[in-house]
Amino acid sequence: MDTQLLATIFQIRSNPHYQKAEVTRRSRGASVLARSEEIEDLGAINLLINSWETISLLILQVKDKDLIFEITPVLHMFTELSDAIEIIGCKFPDYAANFRLLSKLQADWLRFKDDRYQTGEQGGMHALFG
């Protein structure tokens, strides 16, 4: 695994604008932001989704995705943002296509794990948010 890729993903997710958009999504909900007519709301949800689309493009280039699936919450974030993706996708049919594909690949990867299996990203989410 290329450490530069992991650093880039971390940098995208730790960007102050991304963090602010994530706080807004957690407090208001992805679908509320996607339906809003306020430019700040639409900007926040598009920033989150497009950040994950960019992350997905980077990860799709990696041949062995085991480690990246262990430590990157692709499926979790797709689940959190899926309502907004569907809403925005009504206007733009290919919206977040790579993010959608990568989340399916991670879901398929997880199907071969034991029911008690917990990824590093799941552990991190539990540690941060209970």
C-alpha atoms as a PDB file:
ATOM      1  CA  MET A   1       0.000   0.000   0.000  1.00  0.00           C
ATOM      2  CA  ASP A   2       1.330   3.349  -0.985  1.00  0.00           C
ATOM      3  CA  THR A   3       1.721   5.547   2.089  1.00  0.00           C
ATOM      4  CA  GLN A   4       1.244   8.577  -0.168  1.00  0.00           C
ATOM      5  CA  LEU A   5      -2.280   7.367  -0.978  1.00  0.00           C
ATOM      6  CA  LEU A   6      -3.128   6.986   2.703  1.00  0.00           C
ATOM      7  CA  ALA A   7      -1.703  10.438   3.411  1.00  0.00           C
ATOM      8  CA  THR A   8      -3.764  11.929   0.584  1.00  0.00           C
ATOM      9  CA  ILE A   9      -6.965  10.309   1.864  1.00  0.00           C
ATOM     10  CA  PHE A  10      -6.214  11.574   5.369  1.00  0.00           C
ATOM     11  CA  GLN A  11      -5.534  15.059   4.008  1.00  0.00           C
ATOM     12  CA  ILE A  12      -8.848  15.127   2.115  1.00  0.00           C
ATOM     13  CA  ARG A  13     -10.797  14.002   5.164  1.00  0.00           C
ATOM     14  CA  SER A  14      -9.011  16.320   7.599  1.00  0.00           C
ATOM     15  CA  ASN A  15      -9.473  19.443   5.478  1.00  0.00           C
ATOM     16  CA  PRO A  16     -11.262  22.103   7.594  1.00  0.00           C
ATOM     17  CA  HIS A  17     -13.976  22.609   4.945  1.00  0.00           C
ATOM     18  CA  TYR A  18     -14.630  18.855   4.795  1.00  0.00           C
ATOM     19  CA  GLN A  19     -14.765  18.674   8.593  1.00  0.00           C
ATOM     20  CA  LYS A  20     -17.220  21.581   8.751  1.00  0.00           C
ATOM     21  CA  ALA A  21     -19.398  19.948   6.081  1.00  0.00           C
ATOM     22  CA  GLU A  22     -19.337  16.669   8.017  1.00  0.00           C
ATOM     23  CA  VAL A  23     -20.437  18.394  11.213  1.00  0.00           C
ATOM     24  CA  THR A  24     -23.284  20.019   9.267  1.00  0.00           C
ATOM     25  CA  ARG A  25     -24.311  16.654   7.776  1.00  0.00           C
ATOM     26  CA  ARG A  26     -24.322  14.988  11.187  1.00  0.00           C
ATOM     27  CA  SER A  27     -26.466  17.702  12.707  1.00  0.00           C
ATOM     28  CA  ARG A  28     -28.914  18.257   9.831  1.00  0.00           C
ATOM     29  CA  GLY A  29     -28.850  15.085   7.743  1.00  0.00           C
ATOM     30  CA  ALA A  30     -27.612  14.408   4.215  1.00  0.00           C
ATOM     31  CA  SER A  31     -31.044  14.389   2.579  1.00  0.00           C
ATOM     32  CA  VAL A  32     -31.974  17.722   4.179  1.00  0.00           C
ATOM     33  CA  LEU A  33     -28.811  19.285   2.775  1.00  0.00           C
ATOM     34  CA  ALA A  34     -29.416  17.790  -0.684  1.00  0.00           C
ATOM     35  CA  ARG A  35     -32.988  19.135  -0.803  1.00  0.00           C
ATOM     36  CA  SER A  36     -32.060  22.575   0.480  1.00  0.00           C
ATOM     37  CA  GLU A  37     -32.025  25.614  -1.740  1.00  0.00           C
ATOM     38  CA  GLU A  38     -29.339  27.254   0.393  1.00  0.00           C
ATOM     39  CA  ILE A  39     -26.004  27.402  -1.380  1.00  0.00           C
ATOM     40  CA  GLU A  40     -24.096  26.606   1.850  1.00  0.00           C
ATOM     41  CA  ASP A  41     -26.102  23.406   2.352  1.00  0.00           C
ATOM     42  CA  LEU A  42     -25.691  22.267  -1.234  1.00  0.00           C
ATOM     43  CA  GLY A  43     -22.013  23.157  -1.115  1.00  0.00           C
ATOM     44  CA  ALA A  44     -21.517  21.130   2.055  1.00  0.00           C
ATOM     45  CA  ILE A  45     -23.183  17.968   0.763  1.00  0.00           C
ATOM     46  CA  ASN A  46     -21.488  18.235  -2.627  1.00  0.00           C
ATOM     47  CA  LEU A  47     -18.119  18.731  -0.931  1.00  0.00           C
ATOM     48  CA  LEU A  48     -18.596  15.533   1.075  1.00  0.00           C
ATOM     49  CA  ILE A  49     -19.813  13.427  -1.832  1.00  0.00           C
ATOM     50  CA  ASN A  50     -17.235  14.758  -4.271  1.00  0.00           C
ATOM     51  CA  SER A  51     -14.477  14.215  -1.715  1.00  0.00           C
ATOM     52  CA  TRP A  52     -15.514  10.559  -1.507  1.00  0.00           C
ATOM     53  CA  GLU A  53     -15.744  10.373  -5.280  1.00  0.00           C
ATOM     54  CA  THR A  54     -12.136  11.576  -5.443  1.00  0.00           C
ATOM     55  CA  ILE A  55     -11.073   9.116  -2.735  1.00  0.00           C
ATOM     56  CA  SER A  56     -12.848   6.362  -4.660  1.00  0.00           C
ATOM     57  CA  LEU A  57     -11.010   7.211  -7.872  1.00  0.00           C
ATOM     58  CA  LEU A  58      -7.715   6.916  -6.015  1.00  0.00           C
ATOM     59  CA  ILE A  59      -8.597   3.625  -4.318  1.00  0.00           C
ATOM     60  CA  LEU A  60      -9.955   2.018  -7.485  1.00  0.00           C
ATOM     61  CA  GLN A  61      -6.419   2.197  -8.891  1.00  0.00           C
ATOM     62  CA  VAL A  62      -5.089  -0.016  -6.071  1.00  0.00           C
ATOM     63  CA  LYS A  63      -4.844  -3.714  -6.934  1.00  0.00           C
ATOM     64  CA  ASP A  64      -4.930  -5.162  -3.401  1.00  0.00           C
ATOM     65  CA  LYS A  65      -7.651  -3.266  -1.565  1.00  0.00           C
ATOM     66  CA  ASP A  66      -7.594  -5.302   1.686  1.00  0.00           C
ATOM     67  CA  LEU A  67      -5.689  -2.746   3.749  1.00  0.00           C
ATOM     68  CA  ILE A  68      -7.571   0.206   2.327  1.00  0.00           C
ATOM     69  CA  PHE A  69     -10.903  -1.498   3.090  1.00  0.00           C
ATOM     70  CA  GLU A  70      -9.634  -2.175   6.605  1.00  0.00           C
ATOM     71  CA  ILE A  71      -8.939   1.458   7.421  1.00  0.00           C
ATOM     72  CA  THR A  72     -11.127   3.628   5.160  1.00  0.00           C
ATOM     73  CA  PRO A  73     -14.870   3.982   5.868  1.00  0.00           C
ATOM     74  CA  VAL A  74     -16.025   3.908   2.236  1.00  0.00           C
ATOM     75  CA  LEU A  75     -19.141   1.787   2.791  1.00  0.00           C
ATOM     76  CA  HIS A  76     -20.040   3.618   5.990  1.00  0.00           C
ATOM     77  CA  MET A  77     -19.837   7.007   4.289  1.00  0.00           C
ATOM     78  CA  PHE A  78     -21.705   5.790   1.229  1.00  0.00           C
ATOM     79  CA  THR A  79     -24.494   4.592   3.518  1.00  0.00           C
ATOM     80  CA  GLU A  80     -24.519   7.951   5.319  1.00  0.00           C
ATOM     81  CA  LEU A  81     -24.595   9.905   2.041  1.00  0.00           C
ATOM     82  CA  SER A  82     -26.744   7.575  -0.092  1.00  0.00           C
ATOM     83  CA  ASP A  83     -29.995   9.531   0.337  1.00  0.00           C
ATOM     84  CA  ALA A  84     -28.296  12.716  -0.843  1.00  0.00           C
ATOM     85  CA  ILE A  85     -26.631  10.863  -3.720  1.00  0.00           C
ATOM     86  CA  GLU A  86     -30.029   9.599  -4.867  1.00  0.00           C
ATOM     87  CA  ILE A  87     -31.572  13.063  -4.636  1.00  0.00           C
ATOM     88  CA  ILE A  88     -28.770  14.764  -6.555  1.00  0.00           C
ATOM     89  CA  GLY A  89     -28.471  11.763  -8.887  1.00  0.00           C
ATOM     90  CA  CYS A  90     -31.986  12.431 -10.189  1.00  0.00           C
ATOM     91  CA  LYS A  91     -30.540  15.451 -12.007  1.00  0.00           C
ATOM     92  CA  PHE A  92     -27.136  13.899 -12.741  1.00  0.00           C
ATOM     93  CA  PRO A  93     -27.480  10.137 -13.417  1.00  0.00           C
ATOM     94  CA  ASP A  94     -23.756   9.284 -13.130  1.00  0.00           C
ATOM     95  CA  TYR A  95     -23.296  11.303  -9.951  1.00  0.00           C
ATOM     96  CA  ALA A  96     -20.872   9.587  -7.545  1.00  0.00           C
ATOM     97  CA  ALA A  97     -20.532   6.536  -9.828  1.00  0.00           C
ATOM     98  CA  ASN A  98     -17.049   5.653  -8.603  1.00  0.00           C
ATOM     99  CA  PHE A  99     -18.068   6.096  -4.968  1.00  0.00           C
ATOM    100  CA  ARG A 100     -21.041   3.797  -5.588  1.00  0.00           C
ATOM    101  CA  LEU A 101     -18.795   1.190  -7.259  1.00  0.00           C
ATOM    102  CA  LEU A 102     -16.197   1.249  -4.501  1.00  0.00           C
ATOM    103  CA  SER A 103     -18.839   0.899  -1.793  1.00  0.00           C
ATOM    104  CA  LYS A 104     -20.168  -2.209  -3.578  1.00  0.00           C
ATOM    105  CA  LEU A 105     -16.654  -3.634  -3.781  1.00  0.00           C
ATOM    106  CA  GLN A 106     -16.167  -3.077  -0.053  1.00  0.00           C
ATOM    107  CA  ALA A 107     -19.555  -4.655   0.705  1.00  0.00           C
ATOM    108  CA  ASP A 108     -18.573  -7.703  -1.382  1.00  0.00           C
ATOM    109  CA  TRP A 109     -15.243  -7.867   0.445  1.00  0.00           C
ATOM    110  CA  LEU A 110     -17.035  -7.793   3.806  1.00  0.00           C
ATOM    111  CA  ARG A 111     -19.339 -10.678   2.835  1.00  0.00           C
ATOM    112  CA  PHE A 112     -16.391 -13.059   3.123  1.00  0.00           C
ATOM    113  CA  LYS A 113     -15.629 -11.996   6.682  1.00  0.00           C
ATOM    114  CA  ASP A 114     -16.907 -13.607   9.880  1.00  0.00           C
ATOM    115  CA  ASP A 115     -20.058 -12.037  11.387  1.00  0.00           C
ATOM    116  CA  ARG A 116     -17.995 -10.814  14.336  1.00  0.00           C
ATOM    117  CA  TYR A 117     -15.371  -9.255  12.080  1.00  0.00           C
ATOM    118  CA  GLN A 118     -14.829  -5.570  12.648  1.00  0.00           C
ATOM    119  CA  THR A 119     -12.702  -3.404  10.391  1.00  0.00           C
ATOM    120  CA  GLY A 120     -10.316  -0.826  11.744  1.00  0.00           C
ATOM    121  CA  GLU A 121     -12.617   1.901  10.487  1.00  0.00           C
ATOM    122  CA  GLN A 122     -15.554   0.381  12.390  1.00  0.00           C
ATOM    123  CA  GLY A 123     -13.451   0.265  15.537  1.00  0.00           C
ATOM    124  CA  GLY A 124     -12.499   3.886  15.029  1.00  0.00           C
ATOM    125  CA  MET A 125     -16.104   4.906  14.522  1.00  0.00           C
ATOM    126  CA  HIS A 126     -17.124   3.073  17.717  1.00  0.00           C
ATOM    127  CA  ALA A 127     -14.268   4.669  19.627  1.00  0.00           C
ATOM    128  CA  LEU A 128     -15.236   8.152  18.433  1.00  0.00           C
ATOM    129  CA  PHE A 129     -19.016   7.944  18.450  1.00  0.00           C
ATOM    130  CA  GLY A 130     -20.036   4.910  20.549  1.00  0.00           C
END
